[in-house]
């Protein structure tokens, strides 16, 4: 009498490992995208703080202040913004308006005076 051996074949194990690899790579890509979206939300909150400081500065001086990078923005507007999410929070003032820009990865985001995103340039823009 033949004894039946039970177990998994090598092909079944390889297929299982390949499927797990595909699922884990899709999960990682989604996690990375969600993390970047959360960073953008944090950066937007910081931009709104800068917008409020610029409007307060305007009330006192009747002019907006242009800044070149995060350290300059903090010094000129009396803030404590850190480059936690993106680099180089800067303000460009012209006449009675101003826009803010931040760099993140291979993208540059632009915000209006209310802190609402108006544009993104670069290959790494988050919708």
PDB file of N, CA and C in Angstrom:
ATOM      1  N   UNK A   1       0.819  -1.164   0.000  1.00  0.00           N
ATOM      2  CA  UNK A   1       0.000   0.000   0.000  1.00  0.00           C
ATOM      3  C   UNK A   1       0.878   1.248   0.000  1.00  0.00           C
ATOM      4  N   UNK A   2       0.514   2.216  -0.888  1.00  0.00           N
ATOM      5  CA  UNK A   2       1.276   3.456  -0.989  1.00  0.00           C
ATOM      6  C   UNK A   2       0.807   4.441   0.069  1.00  0.00           C
ATOM      7  N   UNK A   3       1.761   5.096   0.666  1.00  0.00           N
ATOM      8  CA  UNK A   3       1.452   6.106   1.667  1.00  0.00           C
ATOM      9  C   UNK A   3       1.371   7.463   0.975  1.00  0.00           C
ATOM     10  N   UNK A   4       0.272   8.191   1.166  1.00  0.00           N
ATOM     11  CA  UNK A   4       0.093   9.495   0.526  1.00  0.00           C
ATOM     12  C   UNK A   4       0.798  10.557   1.368  1.00  0.00           C
ATOM     13  N   UNK A   5       1.666  11.338   0.707  1.00  0.00           N
ATOM     14  CA  UNK A   5       2.397  12.406   1.387  1.00  0.00           C
ATOM     15  C   UNK A   5       1.652  13.706   1.132  1.00  0.00           C
ATOM     16  N   UNK A   6       1.316  14.387   2.211  1.00  0.00           N
ATOM     17  CA  UNK A   6       0.612  15.658   2.044  1.00  0.00           C
ATOM     18  C   UNK A   6       1.568  16.815   2.312  1.00  0.00           C
ATOM     19  N   UNK A   7       1.261  17.944   1.693  1.00  0.00           N
ATOM     20  CA  UNK A   7       2.093  19.130   1.853  1.00  0.00           C
ATOM     21  C   UNK A   7       1.958  20.023   0.641  1.00  0.00           C
ATOM     22  N   UNK A   8       2.721  21.095   0.646  1.00  0.00           N
ATOM     23  CA  UNK A   8       2.689  22.054  -0.457  1.00  0.00           C
ATOM     24  C   UNK A   8       3.812  21.757  -1.426  1.00  0.00           C
ATOM     25  N   UNK A   9       3.531  21.984  -2.694  1.00  0.00           N
ATOM     26  CA  UNK A   9       4.583  21.827  -3.686  1.00  0.00           C
ATOM     27  C   UNK A   9       5.392  23.118  -3.763  1.00  0.00           C
ATOM     28  N   UNK A  10       6.517  23.049  -4.390  1.00  0.00           N
ATOM     29  CA  UNK A  10       7.382  24.214  -4.536  1.00  0.00           C
ATOM     30  C   UNK A  10       6.699  25.309  -5.361  1.00  0.00           C
ATOM     31  N   UNK A  11       5.968  24.917  -6.373  1.00  0.00           N
ATOM     32  CA  UNK A  11       5.263  25.885  -7.216  1.00  0.00           C
ATOM     33  C   UNK A  11       4.217  26.635  -6.398  1.00  0.00           C
ATOM     34  N   UNK A  12       3.471  25.958  -5.564  1.00  0.00           N
ATOM     35  CA  UNK A  12       2.461  26.614  -4.724  1.00  0.00           C
ATOM     36  C   UNK A  12       3.102  27.607  -3.773  1.00  0.00           C
ATOM     37  N   UNK A  13       4.224  27.240  -3.202  1.00  0.00           N
ATOM     38  CA  UNK A  13       4.923  28.154  -2.294  1.00  0.00           C
ATOM     39  C   UNK A  13       5.442  29.387  -3.032  1.00  0.00           C
ATOM     40  N   UNK A  14       5.979  29.203  -4.229  1.00  0.00           N
ATOM     41  CA  UNK A  14       6.492  30.340  -5.004  1.00  0.00           C
ATOM     42  C   UNK A  14       5.354  31.281  -5.395  1.00  0.00           C
ATOM     43  N   UNK A  15       4.223  30.727  -5.822  1.00  0.00           N
ATOM     44  CA  UNK A  15       3.070  31.555  -6.185  1.00  0.00           C
ATOM     45  C   UNK A  15       2.600  32.356  -4.976  1.00  0.00           C
ATOM     46  N   UNK A  16       2.557  31.731  -3.816  1.00  0.00           N
ATOM     47  CA  UNK A  16       2.139  32.422  -2.597  1.00  0.00           C
ATOM     48  C   UNK A  16       3.092  33.564  -2.256  1.00  0.00           C
ATOM     49  N   UNK A  17       4.379  33.341  -2.362  1.00  0.00           N
ATOM     50  CA  UNK A  17       5.367  34.374  -2.066  1.00  0.00           C
ATOM     51  C   UNK A  17       5.255  35.526  -3.067  1.00  0.00           C
ATOM     52  N   UNK A  18       5.032  35.232  -4.337  1.00  0.00           N
ATOM     53  CA  UNK A  18       4.889  36.277  -5.351  1.00  0.00           C
ATOM     54  C   UNK A  18       3.645  37.121  -5.071  1.00  0.00           C
ATOM     55  N   UNK A  19       2.538  36.480  -4.743  1.00  0.00           N
ATOM     56  CA  UNK A  19       1.302  37.218  -4.431  1.00  0.00           C
ATOM     57  C   UNK A  19       1.507  38.109  -3.211  1.00  0.00           C
ATOM     58  N   UNK A  20       2.145  37.593  -2.173  1.00  0.00           N
ATOM     59  CA  UNK A  20       2.420  38.408  -0.983  1.00  0.00           C
ATOM     60  C   UNK A  20       3.332  39.587  -1.313  1.00  0.00           C
ATOM     61  N   UNK A  21       4.292  39.382  -2.193  1.00  0.00           N
ATOM     62  CA  UNK A  21       5.179  40.471  -2.600  1.00  0.00           C
ATOM     63  C   UNK A  21       4.426  41.568  -3.337  1.00  0.00           C
ATOM     64  N   UNK A  22       3.508  41.183  -4.220  1.00  0.00           N
ATOM     65  CA  UNK A  22       2.724  42.173  -4.962  1.00  0.00           C
ATOM     66  C   UNK A  22       1.832  42.960  -4.017  1.00  0.00           C
ATOM     67  N   UNK A  23       1.158  42.278  -3.116  1.00  0.00           N
ATOM     68  CA  UNK A  23       0.262  42.952  -2.169  1.00  0.00           C
ATOM     69  C   UNK A  23       1.045  43.891  -1.259  1.00  0.00           C
ATOM     70  N   UNK A  24       2.198  43.456  -0.786  1.00  0.00           N
ATOM     71  CA  UNK A  24       2.978  44.322   0.110  1.00  0.00           C
ATOM     72  C   UNK A  24       3.532  45.534  -0.631  1.00  0.00           C
ATOM     73  N   UNK A  25       3.916  45.384  -1.891  1.00  0.00           N
ATOM     74  CA  UNK A  25       4.425  46.549  -2.632  1.00  0.00           C
ATOM     75  C   UNK A  25       3.312  47.556  -2.886  1.00  0.00           C
ATOM     76  N   UNK A  26       2.099  47.099  -3.187  1.00  0.00           N
ATOM     77  CA  UNK A  26       0.972  48.011  -3.364  1.00  0.00           C
ATOM     78  C   UNK A  26       0.630  48.717  -2.055  1.00  0.00           C
ATOM     79  N   UNK A  27       0.694  48.005  -0.965  1.00  0.00           N
ATOM     80  CA  UNK A  27       0.425  48.596   0.343  1.00  0.00           C
ATOM     81  C   UNK A  27       1.460  49.665   0.674  1.00  0.00           C
ATOM     82  N   UNK A  28       2.734  49.391   0.393  1.00  0.00           N
ATOM     83  CA  UNK A  28       3.788  50.363   0.666  1.00  0.00           C
ATOM     84  C   UNK A  28       3.603  51.623  -0.179  1.00  0.00           C
ATOM     85  N   UNK A  29       3.265  51.461  -1.457  1.00  0.00           N
ATOM     86  CA  UNK A  29       3.065  52.624  -2.320  1.00  0.00           C
ATOM     87  C   UNK A  29       1.913  53.492  -1.805  1.00  0.00           C
ATOM     88  N   UNK A  30       0.826  52.867  -1.384  1.00  0.00           N
ATOM     89  CA  UNK A  30      -0.306  53.619  -0.842  1.00  0.00           C
ATOM     90  C   UNK A  30       0.072  54.306   0.469  1.00  0.00           C
ATOM     91  N   UNK A  31       0.818  53.620   1.322  1.00  0.00           N
ATOM     92  CA  UNK A  31       1.271  54.212   2.579  1.00  0.00           C
ATOM     93  C   UNK A  31       2.144  55.433   2.311  1.00  0.00           C
ATOM     94  N   UNK A  32       3.075  55.309   1.378  1.00  0.00           N
ATOM     95  CA  UNK A  32       3.982  56.410   1.065  1.00  0.00           C
ATOM     96  C   UNK A  32       3.213  57.609   0.519  1.00  0.00           C
ATOM     97  N   UNK A  33       2.227  57.368  -0.347  1.00  0.00           N
ATOM     98  CA  UNK A  33       1.423  58.454  -0.902  1.00  0.00           C
ATOM     99  C   UNK A  33       0.617  59.142   0.196  1.00  0.00           C
ATOM    100  N   UNK A  34       0.013  58.369   1.099  1.00  0.00           N
ATOM    101  CA  UNK A  34      -0.772  58.955   2.192  1.00  0.00           C
ATOM    102  C   UNK A  34       0.121  59.755   3.140  1.00  0.00           C
ATOM    103  N   UNK A  35       1.331  59.273   3.377  1.00  0.00           N
ATOM    104  CA  UNK A  35       2.273  59.999   4.241  1.00  0.00           C
ATOM    105  C   UNK A  35       2.608  61.351   3.625  1.00  0.00           C
ATOM    106  N   UNK A  36       2.856  61.372   2.321  1.00  0.00           N
ATOM    107  CA  UNK A  36       3.168  62.626   1.638  1.00  0.00           C
ATOM    108  C   UNK A  36       1.969  63.574   1.647  1.00  0.00           C
ATOM    109  N   UNK A  37       0.751  63.040   1.518  1.00  0.00           N
ATOM    110  CA  UNK A  37      -0.428  63.893   1.588  1.00  0.00           C
ATOM    111  C   UNK A  37      -0.565  64.509   2.977  1.00  0.00           C
ATOM    112  N   UNK A  38      -0.270  63.743   4.020  1.00  0.00           N
ATOM    113  CA  UNK A  38      -0.324  64.285   5.383  1.00  0.00           C
ATOM    114  C   UNK A  38       0.742  65.355   5.590  1.00  0.00           C
ATOM    115  N   UNK A  39       1.913  65.156   5.010  1.00  0.00           N
ATOM    116  CA  UNK A  39       2.942  66.185   5.089  1.00  0.00           C
ATOM    117  C   UNK A  39       2.485  67.460   4.402  1.00  0.00           C
ATOM    118  N   UNK A  40       1.809  67.322   3.272  1.00  0.00           N
ATOM    119  CA  UNK A  40       1.294  68.495   2.576  1.00  0.00           C
ATOM    120  C   UNK A  40       0.256  69.223   3.431  1.00  0.00           C
ATOM    121  N   UNK A  41      -0.589  68.483   4.131  1.00  0.00           N
ATOM    122  CA  UNK A  41      -1.560  69.121   5.027  1.00  0.00           C
ATOM    123  C   UNK A  41      -0.857  69.892   6.133  1.00  0.00           C
ATOM    124  N   UNK A  42       0.205  69.298   6.702  1.00  0.00           N
ATOM    125  CA  UNK A  42       0.976  69.993   7.730  1.00  0.00           C
ATOM    126  C   UNK A  42       1.647  71.238   7.189  1.00  0.00           C
ATOM    127  N   UNK A  43       2.197  71.137   5.983  1.00  0.00           N
ATOM    128  CA  UNK A  43       2.834  72.300   5.360  1.00  0.00           C
ATOM    129  C   UNK A  43       1.803  73.381   5.074  1.00  0.00           C
ATOM    130  N   UNK A  44       0.606  72.984   4.652  1.00  0.00           N
ATOM    131  CA  UNK A  44      -0.459  73.952   4.386  1.00  0.00           C
ATOM    132  C   UNK A  44      -0.851  74.677   5.672  1.00  0.00           C
ATOM    133  N   UNK A  45      -0.893  73.968   6.773  1.00  0.00           N
ATOM    134  CA  UNK A  45      -1.198  74.612   8.055  1.00  0.00           C
ATOM    135  C   UNK A  45      -0.125  75.640   8.401  1.00  0.00           C
ATOM    136  N   UNK A  46       1.133  75.307   8.144  1.00  0.00           N
ATOM    137  CA  UNK A  46       2.200  76.257   8.406  1.00  0.00           C
ATOM    138  C   UNK A  46       2.105  77.464   7.473  1.00  0.00           C
ATOM    139  N   UNK A  47       1.708  77.229   6.235  1.00  0.00           N
ATOM    140  CA  UNK A  47       1.533  78.330   5.283  1.00  0.00           C
ATOM    141  C   UNK A  47       0.420  79.254   5.758  1.00  0.00           C
ATOM    142  N   UNK A  48      -0.640  78.709   6.302  1.00  0.00           N
ATOM    143  CA  UNK A  48      -1.735  79.538   6.801  1.00  0.00           C
ATOM    144  C   UNK A  48      -1.285  80.390   7.986  1.00  0.00           C
ATOM    145  N   UNK A  49      -0.378  79.873   8.801  1.00  0.00           N
ATOM    146  CA  UNK A  49       0.189  80.672   9.889  1.00  0.00           C
ATOM    147  C   UNK A  49       1.008  81.831   9.310  1.00  0.00           C
ATOM    148  N   UNK A  50       1.791  81.549   8.271  1.00  0.00           N
ATOM    149  CA  UNK A  50       2.572  82.608   7.626  1.00  0.00           C
ATOM    150  C   UNK A  50       1.636  83.643   7.005  1.00  0.00           C
ATOM    151  N   UNK A  51       0.554  83.196   6.376  1.00  0.00           N
ATOM    152  CA  UNK A  51      -0.409  84.128   5.772  1.00  0.00           C
ATOM    153  C   UNK A  51      -1.025  85.036   6.828  1.00  0.00           C
ATOM    154  N   UNK A  52      -1.369  84.474   7.971  1.00  0.00           N
ATOM    155  CA  UNK A  52      -1.941  85.289   9.049  1.00  0.00           C
ATOM    156  C   UNK A  52      -0.918  86.294   9.559  1.00  0.00           C
ATOM    157  N   UNK A  53       0.344  85.878   9.691  1.00  0.00           N
ATOM    158  CA  UNK A  53       1.395  86.791  10.146  1.00  0.00           C
ATOM    159  C   UNK A  53       1.629  87.905   9.127  1.00  0.00           C
ATOM    160  N   UNK A  54       1.578  87.570   7.844  1.00  0.00           N
ATOM    161  CA  UNK A  54       1.739  88.597   6.802  1.00  0.00           C
ATOM    162  C   UNK A  54       0.588  89.600   6.856  1.00  0.00           C
ATOM    163  N   UNK A  55      -0.630  89.136   7.047  1.00  0.00           N
ATOM    164  CA  UNK A  55      -1.770  90.055   7.119  1.00  0.00           C
ATOM    165  C   UNK A  55      -1.664  90.950   8.352  1.00  0.00           C
ATOM    166  N   UNK A  56      -1.206  90.411   9.469  1.00  0.00           N
ATOM    167  CA  UNK A  56      -1.004  91.208  10.674  1.00  0.00           C
ATOM    168  C   UNK A  56       0.098  92.239  10.444  1.00  0.00           C
ATOM    169  N   UNK A  57       1.180  91.806   9.787  1.00  0.00           N
ATOM    170  CA  UNK A  57       2.261  92.731   9.466  1.00  0.00           C
ATOM    171  C   UNK A  57       1.743  93.859   8.568  1.00  0.00           C
ATOM    172  N   UNK A  58       0.877  93.523   7.621  1.00  0.00           N
ATOM    173  CA  UNK A  58       0.315  94.525   6.720  1.00  0.00           C
ATOM    174  C   UNK A  58      -0.543  95.539   7.469  1.00  0.00           C
ATOM    175  N   UNK A  59      -1.293  95.067   8.451  1.00  0.00           N
ATOM    176  CA  UNK A  59      -2.120  95.989   9.238  1.00  0.00           C
ATOM    177  C   UNK A  59      -1.268  97.017   9.972  1.00  0.00           C
ATOM    178  N   UNK A  60      -0.085  96.607  10.386  1.00  0.00           N
ATOM    179  CA  UNK A  60       0.797  97.508  11.130  1.00  0.00           C
ATOM    180  C   UNK A  60       1.605  98.436  10.229  1.00  0.00           C
ATOM    181  N   UNK A  61       1.986  97.976   9.038  1.00  0.00           N
ATOM    182  CA  UNK A  61       2.924  98.747   8.215  1.00  0.00           C
ATOM    183  C   UNK A  61       2.381  99.154   6.850  1.00  0.00           C
ATOM    184  N   UNK A  62       1.230  98.643   6.452  1.00  0.00           N
ATOM    185  CA  UNK A  62       0.629  98.899   5.139  1.00  0.00           C
ATOM    186  C   UNK A  62       1.501  98.381   3.989  1.00  0.00           C
ATOM    187  N   UNK A  63       2.248  97.344   4.260  1.00  0.00           N
ATOM    188  CA  UNK A  63       3.058  96.691   3.223  1.00  0.00           C
ATOM    189  C   UNK A  63       3.286  95.238   3.636  1.00  0.00           C
ATOM    190  N   UNK A  64       3.433  94.372   2.657  1.00  0.00           N
ATOM    191  CA  UNK A  64       3.792  92.980   2.936  1.00  0.00           C
ATOM    192  C   UNK A  64       5.298  92.836   2.888  1.00  0.00           C
ATOM    193  N   UNK A  65       5.813  91.823   3.566  1.00  0.00           N
ATOM    194  CA  UNK A  65       7.246  91.617   3.663  1.00  0.00           C
ATOM    195  C   UNK A  65       7.641  90.406   2.825  1.00  0.00           C
ATOM    196  N   UNK A  66       8.589  90.578   1.921  1.00  0.00           N
ATOM    197  CA  UNK A  66       9.118  89.446   1.142  1.00  0.00           C
ATOM    198  C   UNK A  66      10.192  88.744   1.951  1.00  0.00           C
ATOM    199  N   UNK A  67      10.209  87.426   1.863  1.00  0.00           N
ATOM    200  CA  UNK A  67      11.221  86.641   2.570  1.00  0.00           C
ATOM    201  C   UNK A  67      11.882  85.681   1.583  1.00  0.00           C
ATOM    202  N   UNK A  68      13.065  85.199   1.944  1.00  0.00           N
ATOM    203  CA  UNK A  68      13.835  84.368   1.015  1.00  0.00           C
ATOM    204  C   UNK A  68      13.862  82.898   1.385  1.00  0.00           C
ATOM    205  N   UNK A  69      13.750  82.574   2.663  1.00  0.00           N
ATOM    206  CA  UNK A  69      13.749  81.179   3.092  1.00  0.00           C
ATOM    207  C   UNK A  69      13.095  81.095   4.466  1.00  0.00           C
ATOM    208  N   UNK A  70      13.039  79.911   5.042  1.00  0.00           N
ATOM    209  CA  UNK A  70      12.329  79.720   6.302  1.00  0.00           C
ATOM    210  C   UNK A  70      12.915  80.547   7.437  1.00  0.00           C
ATOM    211  N   UNK A  71      14.237  80.574   7.553  1.00  0.00           N
ATOM    212  CA  UNK A  71      14.863  81.338   8.635  1.00  0.00           C
ATOM    213  C   UNK A  71      14.538  82.824   8.499  1.00  0.00           C
ATOM    214  N   UNK A  72      14.586  83.325   7.276  1.00  0.00           N
ATOM    215  CA  UNK A  72      14.268  84.725   7.032  1.00  0.00           C
ATOM    216  C   UNK A  72      12.788  85.004   7.303  1.00  0.00           C
ATOM    217  N   UNK A  73      11.918  84.079   6.932  1.00  0.00           N
ATOM    218  CA  UNK A  73      10.482  84.219   7.209  1.00  0.00           C
ATOM    219  C   UNK A  73      10.241  84.292   8.707  1.00  0.00           C
ATOM    220  N   UNK A  74      10.881  83.412   9.459  1.00  0.00           N
ATOM    221  CA  UNK A  74      10.731  83.415  10.917  1.00  0.00           C
ATOM    222  C   UNK A  74      11.226  84.723  11.525  1.00  0.00           C
ATOM    223  N   UNK A  75      12.385  85.183  11.082  1.00  0.00           N
ATOM    224  CA  UNK A  75      12.963  86.405  11.630  1.00  0.00           C
ATOM    225  C   UNK A  75      12.094  87.618  11.325  1.00  0.00           C
ATOM    226  N   UNK A  76      11.699  87.769  10.088  1.00  0.00           N
ATOM    227  CA  UNK A  76      10.953  88.953   9.665  1.00  0.00           C
ATOM    228  C   UNK A  76       9.543  89.009  10.236  1.00  0.00           C
ATOM    229  N   UNK A  77       8.904  87.853  10.368  1.00  0.00           N
ATOM    230  CA  UNK A  77       7.509  87.837  10.809  1.00  0.00           C
ATOM    231  C   UNK A  77       7.340  87.389  12.262  1.00  0.00           C
ATOM    232  N   UNK A  78       8.432  87.101  12.941  1.00  0.00           N
ATOM    233  CA  UNK A  78       8.361  86.701  14.340  1.00  0.00           C
ATOM    234  C   UNK A  78       7.722  85.337  14.543  1.00  0.00           C
ATOM    235  N   UNK A  79       8.019  84.397  13.669  1.00  0.00           N
ATOM    236  CA  UNK A  79       7.434  83.049  13.740  1.00  0.00           C
ATOM    237  C   UNK A  79       8.460  82.022  14.172  1.00  0.00           C
ATOM    238  N   UNK A  80       7.992  80.807  14.384  1.00  0.00           N
ATOM    239  CA  UNK A  80       8.873  79.682  14.716  1.00  0.00           C
ATOM    240  C   UNK A  80       8.532  78.491  13.825  1.00  0.00           C
ATOM    241  N   UNK A  81       8.413  78.733  12.530  1.00  0.00           N
ATOM    242  CA  UNK A  81       8.135  77.671  11.564  1.00  0.00           C
ATOM    243  C   UNK A  81       9.417  76.872  11.351  1.00  0.00           C
ATOM    244  N   UNK A  82       9.278  75.536  11.324  1.00  0.00           N
ATOM    245  CA  UNK A  82      10.433  74.679  11.057  1.00  0.00           C
ATOM    246  C   UNK A  82      10.257  74.018   9.695  1.00  0.00           C
ATOM    247  N   UNK A  83      11.358  73.608   9.109  1.00  0.00           N
ATOM    248  CA  UNK A  83      11.327  72.897   7.829  1.00  0.00           C
ATOM    249  C   UNK A  83      10.982  71.425   8.059  1.00  0.00           C
ATOM    250  N   UNK A  84       9.935  71.184   8.832  1.00  0.00           N
ATOM    251  CA  UNK A  84       9.552  69.815   9.150  1.00  0.00           C
ATOM    252  C   UNK A  84       9.023  69.092   7.929  1.00  0.00           C
ATOM    253  N   UNK A  85       8.170  69.739   7.179  1.00  0.00           N
ATOM    254  CA  UNK A  85       7.506  69.092   6.055  1.00  0.00           C
ATOM    255  C   UNK A  85       8.175  69.427   4.729  1.00  0.00           C
ATOM    256  N   UNK A  86       8.433  70.696   4.502  1.00  0.00           N
ATOM    257  CA  UNK A  86       9.047  71.135   3.260  1.00  0.00           C
ATOM    258  C   UNK A  86      10.142  72.135   3.567  1.00  0.00           C
ATOM    259  N   UNK A  87      10.926  72.439   2.566  1.00  0.00           N
ATOM    260  CA  UNK A  87      12.042  73.368   2.731  1.00  0.00           C
ATOM    261  C   UNK A  87      11.679  74.738   2.191  1.00  0.00           C
ATOM    262  N   UNK A  88      12.304  75.738   2.758  1.00  0.00           N
ATOM    263  CA  UNK A  88      12.269  77.106   2.241  1.00  0.00           C
ATOM    264  C   UNK A  88      10.868  77.692   2.097  1.00  0.00           C
ATOM    265  N   UNK A  89      10.262  77.963   3.226  1.00  0.00           N
ATOM    266  CA  UNK A  89       9.017  78.726   3.235  1.00  0.00           C
ATOM    267  C   UNK A  89       9.385  80.167   2.930  1.00  0.00           C
ATOM    268  N   UNK A  90       8.901  80.688   1.814  1.00  0.00           N
ATOM    269  CA  UNK A  90       9.273  82.049   1.427  1.00  0.00           C
ATOM    270  C   UNK A  90       8.054  82.792   0.899  1.00  0.00           C
ATOM    271  N   UNK A  91       8.111  84.100   1.015  1.00  0.00           N
ATOM    272  CA  UNK A  91       7.001  84.965   0.618  1.00  0.00           C
ATOM    273  C   UNK A  91       7.500  85.940  -0.436  1.00  0.00           C
ATOM    274  N   UNK A  92       6.701  86.104  -1.485  1.00  0.00           N
ATOM    275  CA  UNK A  92       6.975  87.093  -2.516  1.00  0.00           C
ATOM    276  C   UNK A  92       5.865  88.127  -2.471  1.00  0.00           C
ATOM    277  N   UNK A  93       6.204  89.353  -2.133  1.00  0.00           N
ATOM    278  CA  UNK A  93       5.211  90.423  -2.023  1.00  0.00           C
ATOM    279  C   UNK A  93       5.353  91.363  -3.208  1.00  0.00           C
ATOM    280  N   UNK A  94       4.207  91.766  -3.746  1.00  0.00           N
ATOM    281  CA  UNK A  94       4.220  92.777  -4.804  1.00  0.00           C
ATOM    282  C   UNK A  94       2.940  93.590  -4.687  1.00  0.00           C
ATOM    283  N   UNK A  95       3.112  94.870  -4.472  1.00  0.00           N
ATOM    284  CA  UNK A  95       1.951  95.743  -4.320  1.00  0.00           C
ATOM    285  C   UNK A  95       1.140  95.368  -3.096  1.00  0.00           C
ATOM    286  N   UNK A  96      -0.143  95.156  -3.302  1.00  0.00           N
ATOM    287  CA  UNK A  96      -1.029  94.829  -2.192  1.00  0.00           C
ATOM    288  C   UNK A  96      -1.316  93.362  -2.052  1.00  0.00           C
ATOM    289  N   UNK A  97      -0.513  92.486  -2.683  1.00  0.00           N
ATOM    290  CA  UNK A  97      -0.725  91.046  -2.585  1.00  0.00           C
ATOM    291  C   UNK A  97       0.585  90.351  -2.256  1.00  0.00           C
ATOM    292  N   UNK A  98       0.470  89.108  -1.874  1.00  0.00           N
ATOM    293  CA  UNK A  98       1.662  88.297  -1.661  1.00  0.00           C
ATOM    294  C   UNK A  98       1.334  86.843  -1.968  1.00  0.00           C
ATOM    295  N   UNK A  99       2.342  86.088  -2.331  1.00  0.00           N
ATOM    296  CA  UNK A  99       2.216  84.650  -2.531  1.00  0.00           C
ATOM    297  C   UNK A  99       3.320  83.971  -1.737  1.00  0.00           C
ATOM    298  N   UNK A 100       3.054  82.730  -1.352  1.00  0.00           N
ATOM    299  CA  UNK A 100       4.041  81.955  -0.619  1.00  0.00           C
ATOM    300  C   UNK A 100       4.392  80.718  -1.406  1.00  0.00           C
ATOM    301  N   UNK A 101       5.630  80.268  -1.276  1.00  0.00           N
ATOM    302  CA  UNK A 101       6.089  79.062  -1.955  1.00  0.00           C
ATOM    303  C   UNK A 101       6.833  78.190  -0.965  1.00  0.00           C
ATOM    304  N   UNK A 102       6.697  76.883  -1.137  1.00  0.00           N
ATOM    305  CA  UNK A 102       7.468  75.928  -0.360  1.00  0.00           C
ATOM    306  C   UNK A 102       7.983  74.858  -1.307  1.00  0.00           C
ATOM    307  N   UNK A 103       9.149  74.312  -0.998  1.00  0.00           N
ATOM    308  CA  UNK A 103       9.734  73.240  -1.798  1.00  0.00           C
ATOM    309  C   UNK A 103       9.570  71.923  -1.061  1.00  0.00           C
ATOM    310  N   UNK A 104       9.212  70.889  -1.802  1.00  0.00           N
ATOM    311  CA  UNK A 104       9.095  69.563  -1.224  1.00  0.00           C
ATOM    312  C   UNK A 104       9.435  68.504  -2.244  1.00  0.00           C
ATOM    313  N   UNK A 105      10.529  67.798  -2.026  1.00  0.00           N
ATOM    314  CA  UNK A 105      10.939  66.797  -2.998  1.00  0.00           C
ATOM    315  C   UNK A 105      11.258  67.454  -4.324  1.00  0.00           C
ATOM    316  N   UNK A 106      10.618  66.980  -5.376  1.00  0.00           N
ATOM    317  CA  UNK A 106      10.829  67.545  -6.709  1.00  0.00           C
ATOM    318  C   UNK A 106       9.640  68.412  -7.101  1.00  0.00           C
ATOM    319  N   UNK A 107       9.070  69.119  -6.131  1.00  0.00           N
ATOM    320  CA  UNK A 107       7.905  69.959  -6.404  1.00  0.00           C
ATOM    321  C   UNK A 107       8.028  71.273  -5.645  1.00  0.00           C
ATOM    322  N   UNK A 108       7.434  72.313  -6.225  1.00  0.00           N
ATOM    323  CA  UNK A 108       7.320  73.608  -5.565  1.00  0.00           C
ATOM    324  C   UNK A 108       5.848  73.987  -5.549  1.00  0.00           C
ATOM    325  N   UNK A 109       5.312  74.170  -4.357  1.00  0.00           N
ATOM    326  CA  UNK A 109       3.902  74.519  -4.185  1.00  0.00           C
ATOM    327  C   UNK A 109       3.781  76.021  -3.991  1.00  0.00           C
ATOM    328  N   UNK A 110       2.743  76.618  -4.568  1.00  0.00           N
ATOM    329  CA  UNK A 110       2.488  78.042  -4.443  1.00  0.00           C
ATOM    330  C   UNK A 110       1.131  78.237  -3.776  1.00  0.00           C
ATOM    331  N   UNK A 111       1.071  79.191  -2.843  1.00  0.00           N
ATOM    332  CA  UNK A 111      -0.138  79.477  -2.078  1.00  0.00           C
ATOM    333  C   UNK A 111      -0.475  80.952  -2.214  1.00  0.00           C
ATOM    334  N   UNK A 112      -1.760  81.268  -2.142  1.00  0.00           N
ATOM    335  CA  UNK A 112      -2.171  82.671  -2.221  1.00  0.00           C
ATOM    336  C   UNK A 112      -2.179  83.295  -0.825  1.00  0.00           C
ATOM    337  N   UNK A 113      -2.686  84.510  -0.721  1.00  0.00           N
ATOM    338  CA  UNK A 113      -2.642  85.250   0.535  1.00  0.00           C
ATOM    339  C   UNK A 113      -3.525  84.631   1.620  1.00  0.00           C
ATOM    340  N   UNK A 114      -4.466  83.784   1.251  1.00  0.00           N
ATOM    341  CA  UNK A 114      -5.308  83.115   2.250  1.00  0.00           C
ATOM    342  C   UNK A 114      -4.736  81.758   2.660  1.00  0.00           C
ATOM    343  N   UNK A 115      -3.632  81.355   2.072  1.00  0.00           N
ATOM    344  CA  UNK A 115      -3.033  80.071   2.397  1.00  0.00           C
ATOM    345  C   UNK A 115      -3.611  78.925   1.592  1.00  0.00           C
ATOM    346  N   UNK A 116      -4.330  79.224   0.505  1.00  0.00           N
ATOM    347  CA  UNK A 116      -4.914  78.198  -0.358  1.00  0.00           C
ATOM    348  C   UNK A 116      -3.951  77.906  -1.500  1.00  0.00           C
ATOM    349  N   UNK A 117      -3.717  76.636  -1.741  1.00  0.00           N
ATOM    350  CA  UNK A 117      -2.767  76.258  -2.793  1.00  0.00           C
ATOM    351  C   UNK A 117      -3.298  76.677  -4.160  1.00  0.00           C
ATOM    352  N   UNK A 118      -2.470  77.381  -4.912  1.00  0.00           N
ATOM    353  CA  UNK A 118      -2.869  77.855  -6.239  1.00  0.00           C
ATOM    354  C   UNK A 118      -2.104  77.171  -7.355  1.00  0.00           C
ATOM    355  N   UNK A 119      -1.056  76.442  -7.021  1.00  0.00           N
ATOM    356  CA  UNK A 119      -0.310  75.782  -8.078  1.00  0.00           C
ATOM    357  C   UNK A 119       0.784  74.891  -7.545  1.00  0.00           C
ATOM    358  N   UNK A 120       1.267  74.057  -8.442  1.00  0.00           N
ATOM    359  CA  UNK A 120       2.383  73.164  -8.117  1.00  0.00           C
ATOM    360  C   UNK A 120       3.173  72.941  -9.392  1.00  0.00           C
ATOM    361  N   UNK A 121       4.476  73.053  -9.305  1.00  0.00           N
ATOM    362  CA  UNK A 121       5.321  72.767 -10.448  1.00  0.00           C
ATOM    363  C   UNK A 121       6.359  71.728 -10.022  1.00  0.00           C
ATOM    364  N   UNK A 122       6.701  70.875 -10.934  1.00  0.00           N
ATOM    365  CA  UNK A 122       7.666  69.817 -10.641  1.00  0.00           C
ATOM    366  C   UNK A 122       7.061  68.455 -10.889  1.00  0.00           C
ATOM    367  N   UNK A 123       7.885  67.437 -10.767  1.00  0.00           N
ATOM    368  CA  UNK A 123       7.455  66.085 -11.077  1.00  0.00           C
ATOM    369  C   UNK A 123       6.846  65.357  -9.888  1.00  0.00           C
ATOM    370  N   UNK A 124       6.946  65.914  -8.692  1.00  0.00           N
ATOM    371  CA  UNK A 124       6.529  65.203  -7.476  1.00  0.00           C
ATOM    372  C   UNK A 124       5.310  65.862  -6.827  1.00  0.00           C
ATOM    373  N   UNK A 125       4.429  66.480  -7.618  1.00  0.00           N
ATOM    374  CA  UNK A 125       3.253  67.179  -7.060  1.00  0.00           C
ATOM    375  C   UNK A 125       2.230  66.189  -6.517  1.00  0.00           C
ATOM    376  N   UNK A 126       1.666  66.529  -5.371  1.00  0.00           N
ATOM    377  CA  UNK A 126       0.610  65.727  -4.769  1.00  0.00           C
ATOM    378  C   UNK A 126      -0.721  66.389  -5.107  1.00  0.00           C
ATOM    379  N   UNK A 127      -1.675  65.637  -5.636  1.00  0.00           N
ATOM    380  CA  UNK A 127      -2.967  66.259  -5.986  1.00  0.00           C
ATOM    381  C   UNK A 127      -3.729  66.741  -4.760  1.00  0.00           C
TER     382      UNK A 127
END
